[in-house]
N, C-alpha and C. Protein backbone atom coordinates (compact mmCIF):
# COMPACT_ATOMS: atom_id res chain seq x y z
N MET A 1 29.55 92.22 -75.61
CA MET A 1 29.40 91.59 -74.07
C MET A 1 27.95 91.08 -73.85
N ASN A 2 27.85 89.85 -73.70
CA ASN A 2 26.46 89.37 -73.56
C ASN A 2 26.04 90.04 -71.69
N THR A 3 24.47 90.07 -72.08
CA THR A 3 23.85 90.40 -70.49
C THR A 3 24.24 90.06 -69.52
N LYS A 4 24.29 88.73 -69.11
CA LYS A 4 24.80 88.12 -68.11
C LYS A 4 26.00 88.21 -67.58
N HIS A 5 26.98 88.45 -68.63
CA HIS A 5 28.74 88.65 -68.24
C HIS A 5 28.50 90.39 -67.91
N TYR A 6 27.25 91.26 -68.47
CA TYR A 6 27.65 92.84 -68.16
C TYR A 6 26.81 92.96 -66.39
N LEU A 7 25.59 92.14 -66.26
CA LEU A 7 25.15 91.93 -64.84
C LEU A 7 25.74 91.70 -64.24
N PHE A 8 26.87 90.75 -64.06
CA PHE A 8 27.30 90.12 -63.14
C PHE A 8 28.63 91.08 -63.23
N THR A 9 29.14 91.44 -63.89
CA THR A 9 30.30 92.76 -63.66
C THR A 9 30.06 93.91 -63.08
N LEU A 10 28.73 94.12 -63.08
CA LEU A 10 28.32 95.67 -62.64
C LEU A 10 27.76 95.15 -61.00
N ILE A 11 27.23 93.82 -60.88
CA ILE A 11 26.98 93.83 -59.66
C ILE A 11 28.11 93.07 -58.54
N ALA A 12 29.20 93.03 -59.30
CA ALA A 12 30.38 92.87 -58.57
C ALA A 12 31.05 94.46 -58.49
N GLY A 13 30.71 95.14 -59.29
CA GLY A 13 31.91 96.39 -59.32
C GLY A 13 30.89 96.94 -58.12
N LEU A 14 29.53 96.80 -57.39
CA LEU A 14 28.79 97.65 -56.93
C LEU A 14 29.11 96.80 -55.56
N ILE A 15 29.33 95.79 -55.41
CA ILE A 15 29.72 94.95 -54.03
C ILE A 15 31.14 95.83 -53.75
N LEU A 16 31.69 95.64 -54.66
CA LEU A 16 33.38 96.17 -54.38
C LEU A 16 33.41 97.97 -53.98
N LEU A 17 32.55 98.32 -54.66
CA LEU A 17 32.52 99.81 -54.64
C LEU A 17 31.91 100.02 -52.78
N VAL A 18 31.00 99.03 -52.46
CA VAL A 18 30.19 99.19 -51.06
C VAL A 18 31.33 98.98 -50.15
N ILE A 19 32.11 98.00 -50.48
CA ILE A 19 33.02 97.13 -49.10
C ILE A 19 34.18 98.39 -49.19
N SER A 20 34.73 98.55 -50.25
CA SER A 20 35.71 99.11 -50.30
C SER A 20 35.14 101.06 -49.47
N CYS A 21 33.90 101.26 -49.68
CA CYS A 21 33.41 102.70 -49.05
C CYS A 21 32.72 102.67 -47.36
N SER A 22 32.79 101.21 -47.02
CA SER A 22 32.13 101.01 -45.93
C SER A 22 32.83 101.78 -44.78
N LYS A 23 32.50 102.55 -43.72
CA LYS A 23 33.11 103.24 -43.12
C LYS A 23 33.74 102.21 -41.79
N PRO A 24 34.92 102.57 -41.03
CA PRO A 24 35.49 102.19 -40.53
C PRO A 24 34.53 101.65 -38.77
N THR A 25 35.14 100.79 -38.06
CA THR A 25 34.20 100.57 -36.84
C THR A 25 35.15 101.09 -35.56
N TYR A 26 35.02 101.86 -34.62
CA TYR A 26 35.75 102.40 -33.62
C TYR A 26 35.38 101.81 -32.87
N HIS A 27 36.03 101.32 -31.99
CA HIS A 27 35.72 100.65 -30.40
C HIS A 27 36.97 101.30 -29.44
N GLN A 28 36.04 102.70 -28.75
CA GLN A 28 36.54 103.45 -28.17
C GLN A 28 36.59 103.48 -26.62
N LEU A 29 37.59 103.42 -25.52
CA LEU A 29 37.70 103.32 -24.51
C LEU A 29 36.82 104.77 -23.88
N THR A 30 35.92 104.46 -22.64
CA THR A 30 35.55 105.44 -22.31
C THR A 30 36.12 105.82 -20.68
N ASP A 31 36.43 107.00 -20.43
CA ASP A 31 36.87 107.79 -19.02
C ASP A 31 36.69 106.84 -17.95
N SER A 32 35.42 105.99 -17.67
CA SER A 32 35.45 104.70 -16.66
C SER A 32 36.33 103.61 -17.22
N ASP A 33 36.43 103.43 -18.59
CA ASP A 33 36.80 102.22 -18.82
C ASP A 33 38.67 102.29 -18.32
N MET A 34 39.28 103.82 -18.51
CA MET A 34 40.33 103.83 -18.34
C MET A 34 40.84 104.37 -17.16
N LEU A 35 39.71 103.91 -15.86
CA LEU A 35 40.13 104.07 -14.44
C LEU A 35 40.92 103.19 -14.61
N TRP A 36 40.46 101.80 -15.15
CA TRP A 36 41.86 100.65 -14.74
C TRP A 36 42.71 101.02 -14.66
N ARG A 37 43.29 101.74 -15.69
CA ARG A 37 44.80 102.48 -16.14
C ARG A 37 44.90 103.21 -14.46
N LEU A 38 45.19 102.80 -13.34
CA LEU A 38 45.54 103.85 -12.36
C LEU A 38 46.91 104.12 -11.56
N TYR A 39 47.36 103.65 -12.48
CA TYR A 39 48.86 103.67 -12.63
C TYR A 39 49.35 105.25 -13.18
N PRO A 40 50.40 105.85 -12.46
CA PRO A 40 50.96 107.16 -13.65
C PRO A 40 52.35 106.08 -14.01
N ASP A 41 52.83 106.68 -14.91
CA ASP A 41 53.71 105.68 -15.48
C ASP A 41 55.33 106.05 -14.62
N GLU A 42 55.60 105.06 -14.52
CA GLU A 42 57.03 104.65 -13.73
C GLU A 42 56.54 104.40 -12.51
N THR A 43 55.67 103.92 -11.78
CA THR A 43 55.17 103.86 -10.85
C THR A 43 56.18 102.39 -9.95
N VAL A 44 56.38 102.61 -8.74
CA VAL A 44 57.04 101.41 -8.01
C VAL A 44 56.26 101.32 -6.82
N LEU A 45 55.49 99.24 -6.93
CA LEU A 45 54.94 99.33 -5.59
C LEU A 45 55.90 98.45 -4.92
N TYR A 46 55.84 98.79 -3.52
CA TYR A 46 56.34 97.66 -2.81
C TYR A 46 55.68 96.52 -2.25
N PHE A 47 56.21 95.29 -1.77
CA PHE A 47 55.04 94.19 -1.03
C PHE A 47 56.32 93.69 0.08
N GLN A 48 55.59 93.09 1.10
CA GLN A 48 56.36 92.48 2.13
C GLN A 48 55.93 91.54 2.51
N ASN A 49 56.48 90.25 3.04
CA ASN A 49 56.26 88.87 3.21
C ASN A 49 56.29 89.42 5.10
N SER A 50 56.01 88.43 5.58
CA SER A 50 56.00 88.09 6.91
C SER A 50 57.41 88.23 7.49
N SER A 51 57.84 87.71 6.82
CA SER A 51 59.68 87.90 7.32
C SER A 51 60.30 89.30 7.48
N GLY A 52 59.30 90.06 6.77
CA GLY A 52 60.04 91.48 6.28
C GLY A 52 60.95 91.67 5.49
N ASN A 53 60.75 90.60 4.52
CA ASN A 53 61.80 91.11 3.53
C ASN A 53 60.97 91.95 2.38
N ILE A 54 61.21 92.42 1.58
CA ILE A 54 60.66 93.62 0.04
C ILE A 54 60.76 92.88 -1.19
N ASP A 55 60.03 92.94 -1.81
CA ASP A 55 60.17 93.07 -3.25
C ASP A 55 59.50 93.94 -3.98
N THR A 56 59.92 94.38 -4.84
CA THR A 56 59.90 95.81 -5.70
C THR A 56 59.04 95.65 -7.35
N ILE A 57 57.78 95.73 -6.90
CA ILE A 57 57.31 95.88 -8.73
C ILE A 57 57.00 97.09 -9.31
N ASN A 58 57.82 97.20 -10.47
CA ASN A 58 57.47 98.52 -11.08
C ASN A 58 56.75 98.72 -12.43
N ILE A 59 55.78 99.27 -12.40
CA ILE A 59 54.99 99.79 -13.50
C ILE A 59 55.39 100.67 -14.56
N THR A 60 55.74 100.06 -15.46
CA THR A 60 56.33 101.28 -16.64
C THR A 60 55.52 100.91 -17.98
N ASP A 61 56.23 101.82 -18.96
CA ASP A 61 55.52 101.67 -20.54
C ASP A 61 54.16 101.90 -20.43
N LYS A 62 53.97 102.83 -20.06
CA LYS A 62 52.19 102.95 -19.99
C LYS A 62 52.36 103.28 -21.27
N PHE A 63 51.04 102.15 -22.31
CA PHE A 63 50.26 102.46 -23.57
C PHE A 63 48.91 102.89 -23.87
N LYS A 64 48.94 102.98 -24.72
CA LYS A 64 47.43 103.10 -25.59
C LYS A 64 47.80 103.57 -26.86
N GLY A 65 46.66 102.43 -27.39
CA GLY A 65 46.40 102.70 -29.22
C GLY A 65 45.57 101.62 -29.61
N TYR A 66 45.55 101.67 -30.54
CA TYR A 66 44.38 100.64 -31.45
C TYR A 66 45.20 99.56 -31.84
N GLN A 67 44.01 98.02 -31.85
CA GLN A 67 44.49 97.31 -32.26
C GLN A 67 43.68 97.45 -34.04
N VAL A 68 43.86 96.77 -34.94
CA VAL A 68 43.47 96.88 -36.37
C VAL A 68 43.21 95.75 -37.19
N SER A 69 41.97 95.39 -37.00
CA SER A 69 41.72 94.10 -38.00
C SER A 69 40.59 94.68 -39.09
N GLY A 70 41.36 94.73 -40.40
CA GLY A 70 40.08 94.80 -41.66
C GLY A 70 39.91 96.50 -40.87
N ASN A 71 38.70 96.86 -41.00
CA ASN A 71 37.82 97.90 -40.75
C ASN A 71 37.33 98.44 -39.26
N VAL A 72 37.94 97.79 -38.60
CA VAL A 72 37.97 97.50 -37.14
C VAL A 72 38.88 98.08 -36.76
N TYR A 73 38.79 99.06 -35.75
CA TYR A 73 39.78 99.73 -34.66
C TYR A 73 39.31 99.59 -33.01
N ASP A 74 39.93 98.44 -32.46
CA ASP A 74 39.69 98.28 -31.09
C ASP A 74 40.80 99.03 -30.32
N GLU A 75 39.99 99.90 -29.27
CA GLU A 75 40.93 100.60 -28.53
C GLU A 75 41.44 99.90 -27.27
N GLU A 76 42.58 99.97 -26.75
CA GLU A 76 43.57 99.38 -25.83
C GLU A 76 44.47 100.33 -24.88
N ALA A 77 44.49 100.16 -23.84
CA ALA A 77 45.43 100.78 -22.90
C ALA A 77 45.99 100.08 -21.98
N GLY A 78 47.48 100.22 -21.21
CA GLY A 78 47.79 99.68 -20.51
C GLY A 78 49.21 99.80 -19.92
N TYR A 79 50.09 99.11 -19.24
CA TYR A 79 51.21 98.98 -19.06
C TYR A 79 51.88 97.80 -18.91
N THR A 80 53.20 98.34 -18.49
CA THR A 80 54.70 96.61 -18.62
C THR A 80 54.62 96.45 -16.81
N VAL A 81 54.36 95.27 -16.28
CA VAL A 81 54.68 95.21 -15.20
C VAL A 81 55.84 94.29 -14.81
N THR A 82 56.78 94.46 -13.91
CA THR A 82 58.49 93.70 -14.01
C THR A 82 58.36 93.33 -12.34
N LEU A 83 59.10 92.61 -12.21
CA LEU A 83 59.87 92.73 -10.70
C LEU A 83 61.35 92.91 -10.60
N GLU A 84 61.57 94.18 -9.99
CA GLU A 84 63.18 94.76 -9.71
C GLU A 84 63.78 93.54 -9.45
N ASN A 85 64.92 93.39 -9.70
CA ASN A 85 66.11 92.11 -9.69
C ASN A 85 65.80 90.94 -9.83
N ASP A 86 64.95 91.09 -10.84
CA ASP A 86 64.60 89.70 -10.98
C ASP A 86 65.33 89.08 -11.49
N THR A 87 65.89 87.67 -11.05
CA THR A 87 66.79 86.48 -11.63
C THR A 87 66.31 85.36 -12.46
N LEU A 88 64.99 85.00 -12.17
CA LEU A 88 64.38 83.94 -13.34
C LEU A 88 64.36 84.59 -14.89
N ALA A 89 64.67 83.28 -15.34
CA ALA A 89 64.99 83.59 -16.94
C ALA A 89 63.68 83.59 -18.09
N THR A 90 62.75 83.13 -17.51
CA THR A 90 61.57 83.19 -18.13
C THR A 90 60.34 83.92 -17.19
N GLY A 91 59.02 84.44 -18.43
CA GLY A 91 57.99 84.68 -17.84
C GLY A 91 58.43 86.04 -17.03
N ARG A 92 59.14 87.06 -17.14
CA ARG A 92 59.79 88.14 -16.48
C ARG A 92 59.20 89.28 -16.15
N GLU A 93 57.73 89.49 -17.35
CA GLU A 93 56.87 90.61 -17.52
C GLU A 93 55.87 90.36 -17.51
N GLY A 94 54.80 91.24 -16.78
CA GLY A 94 53.37 91.11 -16.96
C GLY A 94 52.63 92.31 -17.37
N LYS A 95 51.65 92.22 -17.64
CA LYS A 95 51.06 93.48 -18.54
C LYS A 95 49.64 93.64 -17.47
N ILE A 96 49.17 95.04 -17.38
CA ILE A 96 48.02 95.48 -17.12
C ILE A 96 47.53 95.89 -18.69
N ARG A 97 46.28 95.48 -19.20
CA ARG A 97 45.54 95.79 -20.44
C ARG A 97 44.29 95.96 -20.61
N VAL A 98 43.57 96.84 -20.96
CA VAL A 98 41.96 97.81 -21.19
C VAL A 98 41.80 97.30 -22.47
N SER A 99 41.19 96.71 -22.95
CA SER A 99 40.31 97.00 -24.36
C SER A 99 38.84 96.61 -24.96
N LEU A 100 38.51 97.70 -25.77
CA LEU A 100 37.12 97.60 -26.17
C LEU A 100 37.22 96.95 -27.28
N THR A 101 36.03 95.61 -27.53
CA THR A 101 36.17 94.85 -28.83
C THR A 101 34.43 94.84 -28.96
N ASP A 102 34.17 94.33 -30.18
CA ASP A 102 32.89 93.88 -30.30
C ASP A 102 32.52 93.39 -29.10
N ALA A 103 33.07 92.03 -28.35
CA ALA A 103 32.83 91.78 -27.03
C ALA A 103 32.29 92.43 -25.97
N GLY A 104 32.52 93.79 -25.87
CA GLY A 104 32.72 94.26 -24.34
C GLY A 104 34.06 94.61 -24.12
N LEU A 105 34.00 95.26 -22.87
CA LEU A 105 35.38 95.88 -22.26
C LEU A 105 36.28 94.51 -21.82
N ILE A 106 37.22 94.20 -21.96
CA ILE A 106 38.21 93.20 -21.66
C ILE A 106 39.03 93.81 -20.73
N VAL A 107 39.60 93.65 -19.40
CA VAL A 107 40.52 94.16 -18.77
C VAL A 107 41.29 92.76 -17.92
N GLU A 108 42.44 92.72 -18.46
CA GLU A 108 43.48 91.77 -18.26
C GLU A 108 44.55 92.11 -17.60
N VAL A 109 44.81 91.09 -16.59
CA VAL A 109 46.28 91.33 -16.01
C VAL A 109 46.81 90.13 -15.72
N SER A 110 47.87 90.37 -15.97
CA SER A 110 49.27 89.22 -15.60
C SER A 110 50.24 89.90 -14.44
N PHE A 111 51.17 89.11 -14.33
CA PHE A 111 51.64 89.45 -13.47
C PHE A 111 53.54 88.28 -13.52
N PRO A 112 54.75 89.24 -13.45
CA PRO A 112 55.73 88.39 -13.77
C PRO A 112 56.10 87.06 -12.93
N HIS A 113 55.79 86.20 -13.73
CA HIS A 113 56.37 84.52 -13.03
C HIS A 113 54.62 84.06 -12.65
N HIS A 114 53.86 84.60 -13.38
CA HIS A 114 52.30 83.83 -13.09
C HIS A 114 52.22 83.23 -14.40
N PRO A 115 51.58 81.82 -14.19
CA PRO A 115 51.58 80.89 -15.24
C PRO A 115 49.83 81.56 -16.10
N VAL A 116 49.18 82.44 -15.09
CA VAL A 116 47.97 82.63 -16.30
C VAL A 116 48.03 84.08 -17.00
N VAL A 117 48.57 83.86 -17.98
CA VAL A 117 48.77 85.13 -19.32
C VAL A 117 47.22 85.69 -19.41
N SER A 118 47.23 87.26 -19.46
CA SER A 118 46.16 87.54 -20.54
C SER A 118 44.72 87.12 -19.55
N TYR A 119 44.45 87.15 -18.54
CA TYR A 119 43.34 86.88 -17.59
C TYR A 119 42.20 87.59 -17.53
N PRO A 120 41.35 87.31 -18.18
CA PRO A 120 40.65 88.32 -18.44
C PRO A 120 39.64 88.21 -17.63
N LEU A 121 39.91 89.70 -16.65
CA LEU A 121 39.35 90.07 -15.45
C LEU A 121 37.43 90.46 -15.37
N SER A 122 37.13 90.86 -16.57
CA SER A 122 35.85 90.98 -16.48
C SER A 122 35.32 89.85 -16.59
N MET A 123 35.63 88.43 -16.73
CA MET A 123 34.94 87.27 -16.80
C MET A 123 34.69 86.37 -15.76
N VAL A 124 35.13 87.03 -14.49
CA VAL A 124 35.40 86.71 -13.32
C VAL A 124 34.75 87.39 -12.15
N PRO A 125 34.10 86.83 -11.36
CA PRO A 125 33.55 87.56 -10.03
C PRO A 125 34.23 88.44 -9.30
N LEU A 126 33.59 89.58 -8.88
CA LEU A 126 34.36 90.24 -7.93
C LEU A 126 34.38 89.59 -6.55
N ALA A 127 35.37 89.96 -5.67
CA ALA A 127 34.97 89.17 -4.13
C ALA A 127 36.00 90.63 -3.37
N THR A 128 35.05 90.65 -2.11
CA THR A 128 35.51 91.49 -0.91
C THR A 128 36.51 90.36 -0.21
N ASP A 129 37.56 90.95 0.16
CA ASP A 129 38.66 90.47 0.66
C ASP A 129 39.66 91.53 1.62
N THR A 130 39.84 90.66 3.08
CA THR A 130 40.53 91.51 4.00
C THR A 130 41.91 91.14 3.84
N ILE A 131 42.82 92.37 4.13
CA ILE A 131 44.03 91.91 3.54
C ILE A 131 44.77 92.81 4.48
N MET A 132 45.29 92.43 5.69
CA MET A 132 46.51 93.20 6.75
C MET A 132 45.56 93.85 7.41
N GLY A 133 44.07 93.42 7.53
CA GLY A 133 43.33 94.09 8.70
C GLY A 133 42.45 95.10 7.68
N ASN A 134 42.68 95.48 6.08
CA ASN A 134 42.02 96.36 5.49
C ASN A 134 41.08 95.68 4.72
N VAL A 135 39.89 96.45 4.83
CA VAL A 135 38.50 95.14 3.76
C VAL A 135 38.56 96.19 2.66
N PHE A 136 39.00 95.47 1.35
CA PHE A 136 38.84 95.67 -0.12
C PHE A 136 37.70 95.23 -0.79
N GLU A 137 36.83 96.26 -1.64
CA GLU A 137 35.89 95.60 -2.53
C GLU A 137 36.03 95.54 -3.61
N GLY A 138 35.80 94.55 -4.31
CA GLY A 138 35.77 94.39 -5.79
C GLY A 138 37.10 94.31 -6.04
N VAL A 139 37.71 93.05 -5.67
CA VAL A 139 39.00 92.33 -5.71
C VAL A 139 38.49 91.15 -7.09
N TYR A 140 39.75 90.98 -7.60
CA TYR A 140 39.84 90.01 -8.69
C TYR A 140 41.04 89.19 -8.29
N VAL A 141 40.91 87.47 -8.27
CA VAL A 141 41.47 86.78 -7.53
C VAL A 141 41.92 86.13 -8.99
N SER A 142 43.30 85.73 -8.94
CA SER A 142 43.69 85.18 -10.32
C SER A 142 44.71 83.77 -9.48
N THR A 143 43.92 82.70 -9.78
CA THR A 143 44.97 81.71 -9.15
C THR A 143 45.50 80.75 -10.29
N ALA A 144 46.50 80.45 -10.22
CA ALA A 144 47.07 79.50 -10.99
C ALA A 144 46.45 77.98 -11.07
N PRO A 145 46.38 77.41 -12.67
CA PRO A 145 45.45 76.44 -12.60
C PRO A 145 46.73 75.13 -11.82
N LEU A 146 46.16 73.96 -11.16
CA LEU A 146 46.78 73.20 -10.84
C LEU A 146 48.26 72.51 -11.57
N GLY A 147 49.06 72.16 -11.57
CA GLY A 147 50.43 72.00 -12.36
C GLY A 147 50.80 72.73 -13.17
N THR A 148 50.48 74.26 -13.45
CA THR A 148 50.95 75.00 -14.25
C THR A 148 52.08 75.77 -13.57
N THR A 149 52.33 76.06 -12.03
CA THR A 149 53.17 76.55 -11.63
C THR A 149 54.73 75.81 -11.44
N SER A 150 56.04 76.95 -11.08
CA SER A 150 57.09 75.70 -11.72
C SER A 150 58.41 76.69 -11.25
N ILE A 151 59.47 76.12 -10.80
CA ILE A 151 60.52 77.11 -10.32
C ILE A 151 60.72 78.31 -11.14
N ASN A 152 60.06 78.14 -12.84
CA ASN A 152 60.75 79.52 -13.36
C ASN A 152 59.16 80.58 -13.40
N LYS A 153 58.06 79.72 -13.02
CA LYS A 153 56.76 80.32 -12.72
C LYS A 153 55.84 80.22 -11.24
N PRO A 154 56.79 80.67 -10.34
CA PRO A 154 56.66 80.28 -9.37
C PRO A 154 55.55 81.28 -8.26
N ILE A 155 54.73 81.71 -8.75
CA ILE A 155 53.47 82.79 -8.02
C ILE A 155 52.56 82.18 -8.88
N LYS A 156 52.11 81.82 -7.32
CA LYS A 156 50.94 80.84 -7.07
C LYS A 156 49.48 81.74 -7.95
N GLN A 157 49.36 82.75 -7.01
CA GLN A 157 47.66 83.69 -6.99
C GLN A 157 48.10 85.14 -6.96
N ILE A 158 47.45 86.06 -7.69
CA ILE A 158 47.79 87.45 -7.66
C ILE A 158 46.31 87.82 -7.09
N LYS A 159 45.96 89.17 -6.30
CA LYS A 159 44.77 89.65 -6.26
C LYS A 159 44.88 91.45 -6.61
N TYR A 160 43.99 91.91 -7.27
CA TYR A 160 44.11 92.81 -8.12
C TYR A 160 42.47 93.27 -7.79
N SER A 161 42.64 95.33 -7.66
CA SER A 161 41.11 95.93 -7.64
C SER A 161 41.45 96.73 -8.37
N LYS A 162 40.60 97.32 -8.85
CA LYS A 162 40.26 98.31 -10.26
C LYS A 162 41.05 99.52 -9.12
N GLN A 163 40.62 99.71 -7.74
CA GLN A 163 40.42 100.97 -7.18
C GLN A 163 41.91 100.85 -6.72
N PHE A 164 42.34 100.08 -6.28
CA PHE A 164 43.89 99.96 -5.58
C PHE A 164 45.02 99.33 -5.99
N GLY A 165 44.54 98.45 -7.68
CA GLY A 165 45.44 97.88 -8.09
C GLY A 165 46.02 96.72 -7.36
N PHE A 166 47.30 96.30 -7.75
CA PHE A 166 48.01 95.34 -7.27
C PHE A 166 47.98 95.03 -5.36
N LEU A 167 47.09 93.85 -5.22
CA LEU A 167 47.08 93.85 -3.64
C LEU A 167 47.54 93.24 -2.88
N GLU A 168 48.07 91.87 -3.51
CA GLU A 168 48.80 90.69 -2.92
C GLU A 168 49.48 89.49 -4.04
N PHE A 169 50.33 88.87 -3.55
CA PHE A 169 50.58 87.56 -4.27
C PHE A 169 50.91 86.79 -3.56
N SER A 170 51.20 85.58 -4.08
CA SER A 170 51.29 84.60 -2.70
C SER A 170 52.38 83.28 -4.37
N ASP A 171 53.17 82.64 -3.32
CA ASP A 171 54.44 81.67 -4.28
C ASP A 171 53.72 80.16 -4.01
N ILE A 172 54.97 79.74 -4.75
CA ILE A 172 54.39 77.78 -4.64
C ILE A 172 54.88 77.34 -3.41
N ASN A 173 55.65 78.32 -2.73
CA ASN A 173 56.18 77.87 -1.06
C ASN A 173 55.33 78.21 0.14
N GLY A 174 54.13 79.31 -0.32
CA GLY A 174 53.07 79.46 0.35
C GLY A 174 53.31 80.74 1.10
N GLU A 175 54.48 81.50 0.85
CA GLU A 175 54.38 82.67 1.11
C GLU A 175 53.92 84.08 0.54
N VAL A 176 53.27 84.54 1.39
CA VAL A 176 52.43 85.46 0.93
C VAL A 176 53.07 87.03 0.77
N TRP A 177 52.83 87.61 0.00
CA TRP A 177 53.43 89.08 -0.19
C TRP A 177 52.41 90.42 -0.39
N TYR A 178 52.54 91.01 0.78
CA TYR A 178 51.71 92.00 1.00
C TYR A 178 51.87 93.72 0.51
N ARG A 179 51.19 94.17 -0.38
CA ARG A 179 51.73 95.60 -0.75
C ARG A 179 51.41 96.51 0.95
N VAL A 180 52.92 97.15 0.42
CA VAL A 180 53.11 98.43 1.21
C VAL A 180 52.31 99.46 1.10
N PHE A 181 51.37 100.41 1.42
CA PHE A 181 50.76 101.55 1.15
C PHE A 181 51.20 102.59 1.70
């Protein structure tokens, strides 16, 4: 074996050893991060419109785990969000998901029949909003971009807060549904 071949084999072996022995990276959610998961599993929320009609939202399937990519483990946690007695064929499920990655904390909220999926709440400014005479701080507003709502995705806007969760949603007909506390 010549010296160049031996040196190449030695360096390749060392690189392989370093790569295979590198420690995994874990991004773990803190207790503060987990506050976004404010609902107990199997929670039912009620929303009422100005006509007195009631819509029921179910918060189910609480989950917590890791997304794995190579040696990197990103912790995530959340729920599934569904509309009770839903008759539309598509877009039936939303999610509340918190994850910690190299980019930092990502909080995403999607809602049944709302065209904005995986909405990164951590990327938008907080608002103060008055809903049914109550003032809410730290409200995130997700408004569907023009042209993305339809008969199968009729939810135009949702409002969500870290402290109270879903507060309000409105549809393409202008109907606003307020959470009944």
